[in-house]
Protein backbone atom coordinates (compact mmCIF):
# COMPACT_ATOMS: atom_id res chain seq x y z
CA UNK A 1 -89.76 54.63 121.81
CA UNK A 2 -89.82 57.57 124.07
CA UNK A 3 -88.65 61.13 123.93
CA UNK A 4 -85.04 60.49 123.06
CA UNK A 5 -85.82 58.58 119.86
CA UNK A 6 -84.45 55.47 118.19
CA UNK A 7 -81.20 56.99 117.02
CA UNK A 8 -80.34 58.24 120.49
CA UNK A 9 -80.87 54.68 121.78
CA UNK A 10 -78.51 53.38 119.09
CA UNK A 11 -75.81 55.83 120.15
CA UNK A 12 -76.22 54.93 123.80
CA UNK A 13 -75.69 51.28 122.89
CA UNK A 14 -72.17 52.00 121.59
CA UNK A 15 -71.04 54.47 124.24
CA UNK A 16 -67.61 53.50 125.52
CA UNK A 17 -67.14 50.75 122.91
CA UNK A 18 -64.84 50.31 119.94
CA UNK A 19 -67.75 51.35 117.71
CA UNK A 20 -68.26 54.70 119.43
CA UNK A 21 -67.63 57.67 117.19
CA UNK A 22 -68.18 55.67 114.01
CA UNK A 23 -71.63 57.11 113.36
CA UNK A 24 -72.64 60.51 112.04
CA UNK A 25 -76.21 61.73 111.83
CA UNK A 26 -77.06 64.40 109.30
CA UNK A 27 -80.23 65.99 110.63
CA UNK A 28 -80.80 68.12 107.53
CA UNK A 29 -80.75 65.09 105.22
CA UNK A 30 -82.16 62.46 107.66
CA UNK A 31 -79.17 60.19 107.03
CA UNK A 32 -77.18 57.97 109.41
CA UNK A 33 -73.65 57.52 108.11
CA UNK A 34 -71.52 54.57 109.23
CA UNK A 35 -67.93 55.51 108.60
CA UNK A 36 -65.87 53.08 106.54
CA UNK A 37 -62.51 53.78 108.21
CA UNK A 38 -59.81 51.14 108.05
CA UNK A 39 -59.70 50.96 111.84
CA UNK A 40 -63.12 49.28 111.83
CA UNK A 41 -62.72 47.18 108.72
CA UNK A 42 -59.41 45.49 109.57
CA UNK A 43 -58.50 43.65 112.74
CA UNK A 44 -54.95 43.21 111.54
CA UNK A 45 -54.40 46.98 111.70
CA UNK A 46 -54.86 46.94 115.46
CA UNK A 47 -52.94 43.68 115.59
CA UNK A 48 -49.87 45.31 114.02
CA UNK A 49 -49.86 47.93 116.72
CA UNK A 50 -50.17 45.32 119.48
CA UNK A 51 -47.42 43.26 117.86
CA UNK A 52 -45.11 46.25 117.66
CA UNK A 53 -45.62 47.06 121.34
CA UNK A 54 -44.99 43.42 122.25
CA UNK A 55 -41.73 43.31 120.30
CA UNK A 56 -40.51 46.54 121.90
CA UNK A 57 -41.25 45.20 125.35
CA UNK A 58 -39.46 41.95 124.53
CA UNK A 59 -36.46 43.88 123.23
CA UNK A 60 -36.36 45.96 126.38
CA UNK A 61 -36.38 42.83 128.54
CA UNK A 62 -33.58 41.22 126.49
CA UNK A 63 -31.53 44.39 126.68
CA UNK A 64 -31.91 44.55 130.47
CA UNK A 65 -30.83 40.91 130.82
CA UNK A 66 -27.54 41.55 128.96
CA UNK A 67 -28.48 40.28 125.51
CA UNK A 68 -28.17 43.39 123.32
CA UNK A 69 -27.72 41.54 120.02
CA UNK A 70 -30.86 39.52 120.54
CA UNK A 71 -32.67 42.65 121.72
CA UNK A 72 -31.99 44.36 118.41
CA UNK A 73 -33.82 41.58 116.59
CA UNK A 74 -36.95 42.46 118.58
CA UNK A 75 -36.59 46.23 118.85
CA UNK A 76 -36.07 46.89 115.16
CA UNK A 77 -39.18 45.04 113.89
CA UNK A 78 -41.25 46.48 116.76
CA UNK A 79 -40.21 50.01 115.86
CA UNK A 80 -40.99 49.35 112.19
CA UNK A 81 -44.47 48.01 113.00
CA UNK A 82 -45.30 50.94 115.27
CA UNK A 83 -43.90 53.35 112.69
CA UNK A 84 -46.19 51.88 110.04
CA UNK A 85 -49.18 52.13 112.32
CA UNK A 86 -48.32 55.69 113.37
CA UNK A 87 -47.68 56.76 109.80
CA UNK A 88 -50.98 55.30 108.69
CA UNK A 89 -52.84 57.08 111.49
CA UNK A 90 -51.27 60.37 110.42
CA UNK A 91 -52.27 59.74 106.82
CA UNK A 92 -55.86 59.07 107.90
CA UNK A 93 -55.88 62.18 110.06
CA UNK A 94 -54.22 64.75 107.80
CA UNK A 95 -54.80 63.51 104.23
CA UNK A 96 -57.85 62.59 102.11
CA UNK A 97 -56.90 58.90 102.39
CA UNK A 98 -59.91 58.12 104.63
CA UNK A 99 -62.25 59.11 101.80
CA UNK A 100 -61.17 55.98 99.91
CA UNK A 101 -63.32 54.00 102.35
CA UNK A 102 -66.77 55.33 101.47
CA UNK A 103 -69.45 55.53 104.14
CA UNK A 104 -72.48 53.31 104.26
CA UNK A 105 -75.65 55.39 104.66
CA UNK A 106 -79.05 54.66 106.15
CA UNK A 107 -81.33 57.15 104.41
CA UNK A 108 -84.54 57.31 106.42
CA UNK A 109 -86.45 59.68 104.16
CA UNK A 110 -85.77 57.28 101.25
CA UNK A 111 -86.11 54.14 103.42
CA UNK A 112 -82.93 52.66 101.95
CA UNK A 113 -79.38 51.52 102.79
CA UNK A 114 -76.88 52.95 100.33
CA UNK A 115 -73.19 52.25 99.71
CA UNK A 116 -71.53 53.76 96.67
CA UNK A 117 -73.86 52.91 93.77
CA UNK A 118 -75.66 50.12 95.58
CA UNK A 119 -79.06 50.88 97.04
CA UNK A 120 -81.00 48.34 99.13
CA UNK A 121 -84.54 49.34 100.22
CA UNK A 122 -85.25 48.70 103.90
CA UNK A 123 -88.14 46.48 102.83
CA UNK A 124 -85.71 43.99 101.24
CA UNK A 125 -83.63 43.53 104.40
CA UNK A 126 -84.23 40.69 106.86
CA UNK A 127 -82.80 40.03 110.34
CA UNK A 128 -80.65 37.22 108.92
CA UNK A 129 -78.89 39.77 106.71
CA UNK A 130 -77.22 41.22 109.83
CA UNK A 131 -74.46 38.68 110.50
CA UNK A 132 -71.83 38.48 113.22
CA UNK A 133 -68.26 37.45 112.49
CA UNK A 134 -66.41 36.56 115.69
CA UNK A 135 -62.65 36.51 116.04
CA UNK A 136 -60.34 35.95 118.96
CA UNK A 137 -60.41 39.60 120.02
CA UNK A 138 -63.12 41.28 117.92
CA UNK A 139 -66.79 40.93 117.01
CA UNK A 140 -67.82 42.46 113.69
CA UNK A 141 -71.35 43.01 112.43
CA UNK A 142 -71.84 42.78 108.68
CA UNK A 143 -74.76 43.33 106.34
CA UNK A 144 -74.81 40.29 104.06
CA UNK A 145 -77.41 41.02 101.41
CA UNK A 146 -77.17 39.60 97.87
CA UNK A 147 -76.60 43.15 96.61
CA UNK A 148 -74.45 44.49 99.45
CA UNK A 149 -71.75 43.07 101.75
CA UNK A 150 -70.33 45.58 104.15
CA UNK A 151 -69.14 45.80 107.75
CA UNK A 152 -71.39 47.93 109.94
CA UNK A 153 -69.57 48.01 113.27
CA UNK A 154 -66.73 46.44 115.24
CA UNK A 155 -66.64 45.60 118.95
CA UNK A 156 -64.07 44.12 121.29
CA UNK A 157 -64.82 40.55 122.31
CA UNK A 158 -65.58 41.73 125.85
CA UNK A 159 -68.35 44.05 124.57
CA UNK A 160 -70.82 41.27 123.88
CA UNK A 161 -73.76 42.93 125.65
CA UNK A 162 -73.26 46.28 123.91
CA UNK A 163 -72.86 44.50 120.56
CA UNK A 164 -76.15 42.62 120.99
CA UNK A 165 -77.99 45.80 121.97
CA UNK A 166 -76.51 47.65 119.01
CA UNK A 167 -77.76 45.01 116.58
CA UNK A 168 -81.22 45.11 118.13
CA UNK A 169 -81.45 48.91 117.95
CA UNK A 170 -80.12 48.95 114.40
CA UNK A 171 -82.70 46.41 113.26
CA UNK A 172 -85.46 48.47 114.89
CA UNK A 173 -84.33 51.46 112.83
CA UNK A 174 -84.29 49.44 109.62
CA UNK A 175 -87.48 47.42 110.12
CA UNK A 176 -89.81 50.08 111.53
CA UNK A 177 -88.15 53.47 111.84
CA UNK A 178 -89.97 56.02 113.98
CA UNK A 179 -89.23 58.83 111.54
CA UNK A 180 -90.23 61.71 113.86
CA UNK A 181 -88.04 60.23 116.57
CA UNK A 182 -85.15 59.83 114.16
CA UNK A 183 -85.49 63.37 112.83
CA UNK A 184 -85.64 64.77 116.35
CA UNK A 185 -82.35 63.07 117.20
CA UNK A 186 -80.20 65.10 119.52
CA UNK A 187 -82.77 67.87 119.81
CA UNK A 188 -82.89 69.60 123.16
CA UNK A 189 -86.57 70.53 122.87
CA UNK A 190 -89.32 68.70 124.68
CA UNK A 191 -92.55 67.91 122.74
CA UNK A 192 -94.36 70.95 124.18
CA UNK A 193 -91.42 73.24 123.45
CA UNK A 194 -91.33 71.87 119.91
CA UNK A 195 -95.08 72.66 119.59
CA UNK A 196 -94.47 76.23 120.74
CA UNK A 197 -91.71 76.74 118.18
CA UNK A 198 -93.95 75.17 115.52
CA UNK A 199 -96.68 77.77 116.13
CA UNK A 200 -94.25 80.55 115.18
CA UNK A 201 -92.51 78.56 112.45
CA UNK A 202 -93.76 80.49 109.39
CA UNK A 203 -92.43 83.85 110.56
CA UNK A 204 -89.17 82.30 111.74
CA UNK A 205 -88.56 80.31 108.57
CA UNK A 206 -89.42 83.18 106.18
CA UNK A 207 -86.64 85.17 107.85
CA UNK A 208 -84.11 82.33 107.61
CA UNK A 209 -84.19 81.00 111.19
CA UNK A 210 -84.26 77.32 112.08
CA UNK A 211 -87.47 75.91 113.53
CA UNK A 212 -85.96 73.21 115.73
CA UNK A 213 -84.65 75.37 118.59
CA UNK A 214 -85.32 78.46 120.67
CA UNK A 215 -81.92 80.10 120.20
CA UNK A 216 -79.45 80.59 117.39
CA UNK A 217 -78.27 77.91 114.99
CA UNK A 218 -75.20 75.94 116.09
CA UNK A 219 -71.61 76.56 115.02
CA UNK A 220 -70.56 79.40 112.81
CA UNK A 221 -74.17 80.19 111.89
CA UNK A 222 -74.83 81.49 115.42
CA UNK A 223 -73.13 84.84 114.80
CA UNK A 224 -75.15 85.34 111.60
CA UNK A 225 -78.38 84.56 113.48
CA UNK A 226 -77.53 87.11 116.17
CA UNK A 227 -76.83 89.81 113.57
CA UNK A 228 -80.04 89.02 111.71
CA UNK A 229 -82.08 89.06 114.93
CA UNK A 230 -80.63 92.46 115.89
CA UNK A 231 -81.41 93.88 112.46
CA UNK A 232 -84.97 92.56 112.39
CA UNK A 233 -85.73 93.81 115.89
CA UNK A 234 -84.62 97.28 114.88
CA UNK A 235 -86.29 97.25 111.47
CA UNK A 236 -89.20 96.69 111.13
CA UNK A 237 -89.98 96.43 114.84
CA UNK A 238 -88.18 99.53 116.12
CA UNK A 239 -86.92 97.57 119.15
CA UNK A 240 -83.47 98.83 120.11
CA UNK A 241 -83.63 97.59 123.69
CA UNK A 242 -85.53 95.16 125.91
CA UNK A 243 -88.23 97.66 126.88
CA UNK A 244 -89.10 98.35 123.25
CA UNK A 245 -89.09 94.63 122.46
CA UNK A 246 -91.54 93.84 125.26
CA UNK A 247 -93.68 96.80 124.18
CA UNK A 248 -93.94 95.34 120.67
CA UNK A 249 -94.86 91.90 122.05
CA UNK A 250 -97.51 93.38 124.35
CA UNK A 251 -99.08 95.28 121.45
CA UNK A 252 -99.21 92.12 119.31
CA UNK A 253 -100.81 90.13 122.12
CA UNK A 254 -103.34 92.75 123.24
CA UNK A 255 -104.34 94.33 119.92
CA UNK A 256 -102.08 93.66 116.97
CA UNK A 257 -103.12 94.04 113.36
CA UNK A 258 -106.24 91.93 113.92
CA UNK A 259 -107.89 95.03 115.39
CA UNK A 260 -107.36 96.82 112.05
CA UNK A 261 -108.68 93.78 110.21
CA UNK A 262 -111.89 93.88 112.25
CA UNK A 263 -112.44 97.57 111.52
CA UNK A 264 -111.70 97.05 107.82
CA UNK A 265 -114.19 94.16 107.72
CA UNK A 266 -116.87 96.48 109.10
CA UNK A 267 -115.99 99.04 106.43
CA UNK A 268 -116.09 96.37 103.70
CA UNK A 269 -119.58 95.31 104.83
CA UNK A 270 -121.03 98.80 104.28
CA UNK A 271 -122.89 99.87 101.14
CA UNK A 272 -120.77 100.63 98.11
CA UNK A 273 -121.45 104.38 98.37
CA UNK A 274 -120.11 104.54 101.93
CA UNK A 275 -117.00 102.58 100.93
CA UNK A 276 -116.42 104.89 97.97
CA UNK A 277 -116.74 107.95 100.21
CA UNK A 278 -114.26 106.52 102.70
CA UNK A 279 -111.79 105.58 99.97
CA UNK A 280 -111.98 109.04 98.44
CA UNK A 281 -111.43 110.78 101.79
CA UNK A 282 -108.56 108.44 102.69
CA UNK A 283 -106.78 109.10 99.39
CA UNK A 284 -107.34 112.87 99.76
CA UNK A 285 -106.00 113.03 103.35
CA UNK A 286 -103.06 110.77 102.50
CA UNK A 287 -102.16 113.04 99.60
CA UNK A 288 -102.26 116.14 101.81
CA UNK A 289 -99.96 114.46 104.34
CA UNK A 290 -97.56 113.42 101.58
CA UNK A 291 -97.40 117.03 100.32
CA UNK A 292 -97.13 118.37 103.88
CA UNK A 293 -100.24 120.51 103.39
CA UNK A 294 -101.46 120.47 107.00
CA UNK A 295 -103.27 123.82 107.15
CA UNK A 296 -106.71 124.05 108.86
CA UNK A 297 -108.68 122.64 105.88
CA UNK A 298 -106.61 119.47 106.34
CA UNK A 299 -107.85 119.02 109.90
CA UNK A 300 -111.44 119.35 108.74
CA UNK A 301 -110.94 116.67 106.08
CA UNK A 302 -109.21 114.42 108.63
CA UNK A 303 -112.12 114.80 111.06
CA UNK A 304 -114.54 113.90 108.28
CA UNK A 305 -112.42 110.86 107.39
CA UNK A 306 -112.51 109.65 110.99
CA UNK A 307 -116.28 110.24 111.20
CA UNK A 308 -116.88 108.14 108.08
CA UNK A 309 -114.39 105.46 109.12
CA UNK A 310 -116.14 104.69 112.40
CA UNK A 311 -119.70 104.88 111.13
CA UNK A 312 -122.37 105.14 113.83
CA UNK A 313 -119.69 105.88 116.45
CA UNK A 314 -117.90 108.33 114.17
CA UNK A 315 -118.97 111.39 116.12
CA UNK A 316 -117.29 110.30 119.38
CA UNK A 317 -114.09 109.41 117.50
CA UNK A 318 -114.11 112.66 115.51
CA UNK A 319 -114.19 114.75 118.70
CA UNK A 320 -110.89 113.15 119.74
CA UNK A 321 -108.98 114.24 116.62
CA UNK A 322 -108.03 117.81 117.71
CA UNK A 323 -106.75 116.85 121.19
CA UNK A 324 -104.77 113.95 119.71
CA UNK A 325 -103.21 116.25 117.11
CA UNK A 326 -102.29 118.68 119.90
CA UNK A 327 -100.88 115.73 121.88
CA UNK A 328 -102.93 116.69 124.93
CA UNK A 329 -102.30 114.54 128.04
CA UNK A 330 -104.94 111.82 128.42
CA UNK A 331 -106.28 112.18 124.89
CA UNK A 332 -105.45 108.54 124.18
CA UNK A 333 -106.43 107.24 127.62
CA UNK A 334 -109.79 105.81 126.54
CA UNK A 335 -110.20 102.74 124.34
CA UNK A 336 -111.45 104.92 121.49
CA UNK A 337 -108.57 107.36 121.98
CA UNK A 338 -105.95 104.59 121.89
CA UNK A 339 -107.48 103.05 118.76
CA UNK A 340 -107.69 106.38 116.97
CA UNK A 341 -104.17 107.37 118.04
CA UNK A 342 -102.85 104.18 116.40
CA UNK A 343 -104.76 104.89 113.19
CA UNK A 344 -103.41 108.45 113.04
CA UNK A 345 -99.88 107.26 113.76
CA UNK A 346 -100.07 104.81 110.86
CA UNK A 347 -101.59 107.40 108.57
CA UNK A 348 -98.91 110.03 109.29
CA UNK A 349 -95.88 107.75 109.52
CA UNK A 350 -96.46 104.88 107.09
CA UNK A 351 -96.62 106.11 103.51
CA UNK A 352 -98.01 102.75 102.39
CA UNK A 353 -100.76 102.51 104.99
CA UNK A 354 -103.53 104.20 102.98
CA UNK A 355 -102.87 102.15 99.84
CA UNK A 356 -102.69 98.92 101.87
CA UNK A 357 -105.97 99.70 103.61
CA UNK A 358 -107.70 100.27 100.29
CA UNK A 359 -106.32 96.91 99.10
CA UNK A 360 -107.64 95.27 102.28
CA UNK A 361 -111.11 96.64 101.60
CA UNK A 362 -111.02 95.07 98.14
CA UNK A 363 -109.86 91.73 99.56
CA UNK A 364 -112.55 91.83 102.24
CA UNK A 365 -115.22 92.22 99.59
CA UNK A 366 -115.06 88.40 99.62
CA UNK A 367 -117.77 87.40 102.16
CA UNK A 368 -115.90 84.19 103.09
CA UNK A 369 -112.77 86.11 104.01
CA UNK A 370 -114.78 88.76 105.83
CA UNK A 371 -116.56 86.06 107.86
CA UNK A 372 -113.19 84.66 108.93
CA UNK A 373 -111.80 87.99 110.11
CA UNK A 374 -112.14 87.10 113.78
CA UNK A 375 -109.70 84.21 113.41
CA UNK A 376 -106.49 86.05 112.55
CA UNK A 377 -105.00 85.93 116.03
CA UNK A 378 -102.22 83.66 114.70
CA UNK A 379 -100.89 86.47 112.47
CA UNK A 380 -100.10 88.50 115.60
CA UNK A 381 -99.27 85.65 118.01
CA UNK A 382 -97.01 83.87 115.51
CA UNK A 383 -94.86 87.00 115.27
CA UNK A 384 -94.95 87.56 119.04
CA UNK A 385 -93.49 84.07 119.54
CA UNK A 386 -90.67 84.92 117.13
CA UNK A 387 -89.96 88.22 118.89
CA UNK A 388 -89.38 86.26 122.09
CA UNK A 389 -86.97 84.01 120.18
CA UNK A 390 -85.07 86.99 118.77
CA UNK A 391 -84.90 88.55 122.23
CA UNK A 392 -83.27 85.35 123.48
CA UNK A 393 -80.91 85.10 120.49
CA UNK A 394 -79.56 88.62 121.05
CA UNK A 395 -79.15 88.00 124.78
CA UNK A 396 -81.93 90.21 126.16
CA UNK A 397 -84.18 87.40 127.43
CA UNK A 398 -83.36 84.25 129.40
CA UNK A 399 -84.50 80.91 128.06
CA UNK A 400 -86.79 80.18 131.01
CA UNK A 401 -88.41 83.63 130.73
CA UNK A 402 -89.24 82.95 127.07
CA UNK A 403 -90.77 79.52 127.62
CA UNK A 404 -92.90 80.76 130.53
CA UNK A 405 -94.41 83.51 128.39
CA UNK A 406 -94.64 81.60 125.14
CA UNK A 407 -96.62 78.70 126.62
CA UNK A 408 -99.80 80.76 127.32
CA UNK A 409 -99.70 82.09 123.75
CA UNK A 410 -99.43 78.54 122.43
CA UNK A 411 -102.41 77.48 124.55
CA UNK A 412 -104.48 80.33 123.14
CA UNK A 413 -103.48 79.40 119.59
CA UNK A 414 -104.41 75.74 120.15
CA UNK A 415 -107.85 76.75 121.50
CA UNK A 416 -108.58 78.96 118.48
CA UNK A 417 -107.77 76.49 115.70
CA UNK A 418 -108.39 72.82 114.94
CA UNK A 419 -105.15 71.75 113.21
CA UNK A 420 -101.82 72.94 111.83
CA UNK A 421 -103.58 73.30 108.47
CA UNK A 422 -106.37 75.43 109.95
CA UNK A 423 -103.82 77.62 111.72
CA UNK A 424 -101.72 77.98 108.56
CA UNK A 425 -104.75 78.95 106.46
CA UNK A 426 -105.64 81.76 108.86
CA UNK A 427 -101.98 82.82 109.01
CA UNK A 428 -101.84 83.18 105.22
CA UNK A 429 -105.11 85.12 105.14
CA UNK A 430 -103.84 87.40 107.91
CA UNK A 431 -100.66 88.02 105.96
CA UNK A 432 -102.68 88.76 102.83
CA UNK A 433 -104.72 91.42 104.66
CA UNK A 434 -101.71 92.89 106.46
CA UNK A 435 -99.77 93.34 103.22
CA UNK A 436 -102.70 94.94 101.44
CA UNK A 437 -102.84 92.48 98.58
CA UNK A 438 -100.05 89.99 99.15
CA UNK A 439 -97.51 90.92 96.51
CA UNK A 440 -94.72 88.60 95.43
CA UNK A 441 -93.85 87.70 99.01
CA UNK A 442 -97.29 86.10 99.50
CA UNK A 443 -96.30 83.35 97.06
CA UNK A 444 -93.14 82.74 99.09
CA UNK A 445 -95.23 82.42 102.25
CA UNK A 446 -97.53 79.94 100.51
CA UNK A 447 -94.54 77.89 99.34
CA UNK A 448 -93.11 77.91 102.85
CA UNK A 449 -96.41 76.81 104.42
CA UNK A 450 -96.63 73.93 101.95
CA UNK A 451 -93.08 72.89 102.82
CA UNK A 452 -93.81 72.99 106.55
CA UNK A 453 -96.89 70.84 105.97
CA UNK A 454 -95.14 68.17 103.88
CA UNK A 455 -91.52 68.08 105.08
CA UNK A 456 -91.00 65.12 107.48
CA UNK A 457 -88.54 67.19 109.55
CA UNK A 458 -91.05 70.01 109.98
CA UNK A 459 -92.20 70.49 113.59
CA UNK A 460 -95.76 70.29 112.25
CA UNK A 461 -95.06 66.63 111.45
CA UNK A 462 -93.03 65.88 114.57
CA UNK A 463 -95.65 66.82 117.17
CA UNK A 464 -99.44 66.36 116.97
CA UNK A 465 -101.69 69.39 116.99
CA UNK A 466 -103.73 68.11 119.94
CA UNK A 467 -100.69 67.55 122.17
CA UNK A 468 -101.47 68.43 125.79
CA UNK A 469 -99.69 71.74 126.29
CA UNK A 470 -98.47 71.58 129.85
CA UNK A 471 -95.00 72.40 131.07
CA UNK A 472 -92.82 69.32 130.35
CA UNK A 473 -89.35 70.78 130.91
CA UNK A 474 -87.33 71.33 134.08
């Protein structure tokens, strides 16, 4: 029923009415709670207040006309009635008394109406079970099912139109709930924005961030999100300011780890003898770096490692090793120089890089995985999308800036894959290669992907994969 969703329409129907404020939607549990406060369930409660005001006014009139004795007979009861009403309001406001009137819940994930221990499936409800009870001043809507009798809402008599619309919207929710629309209730994201967030959902969710918004979580959780975003930008991304953040994003978009995966796939496709030679040289050079044994024989072994790594083109790469080690200007200006400079940086600065690369070669011995190596763009782009989010959360990037730069990435992702499942499969394989074997965290990623695929509130189930990705926000 449109972008806003069924629940939003229900709330609009009661805006400005007696029933307003009587509904609470729990987005995490997909539950609509109808509060059972005494104000809605008893007309006499409001009547006592009106009676008390009337008696006080009558007493005031009698007192002004010179009849003080008669005035006392009106003022005293009026004050008592108002005192009772006021005292009861205070009890409701500042004590647990309101909890005695338990809420009625519409549980959309379970497709049931629940009150206390009574549970009525939506499929058992009929329109005739929603019954109006009209009084002189109030209209009350009840559910009158053989298993459950409970007031749902109260309206003033003058709110006939709003009351009729409320009943219609409520029945639409019960009879044929648009679950994605219900779960998206109150969300500020448009469908395309929700798709963009969904593409980066695995990396966001694994780090504890919500996947229904660009910025931080609401309420008290916002400060925790900002701290976590700051920490994650600094470690592992080394981004202490905006320039470093954008540098990390640019690297992910232009090259990323998929460039390493491609090179490793070429290595894994070589004969076993060539792979064994490369593995032996890599372990030897890594050991020399770990022991800080960087005398001239080390450079010779490093040059040989580079020559073997790049196969037929090994000679041109090997010639670049000495100038890169001397940090000569322009040594990394060429495509080969930039690629080799990255490899050397990883080898010298990441003590796990050599072991992880050897694990990748073992994983890529699987021909099916090796054939898929050109489809791991999502591993880099999914993290780039999250870096934009973290930049916004910490206050470095404006919302509009993020959306404008995230949309082209989403378009590229949609062109490369056929479904959320296809994208997720490649994401998991990319993570497996990046980690050099997966480890315990791989199982957590797999659990998370399964949850995103099956959870009704997941953005993967709220927006279709083939949604037209054009700017739909202002």
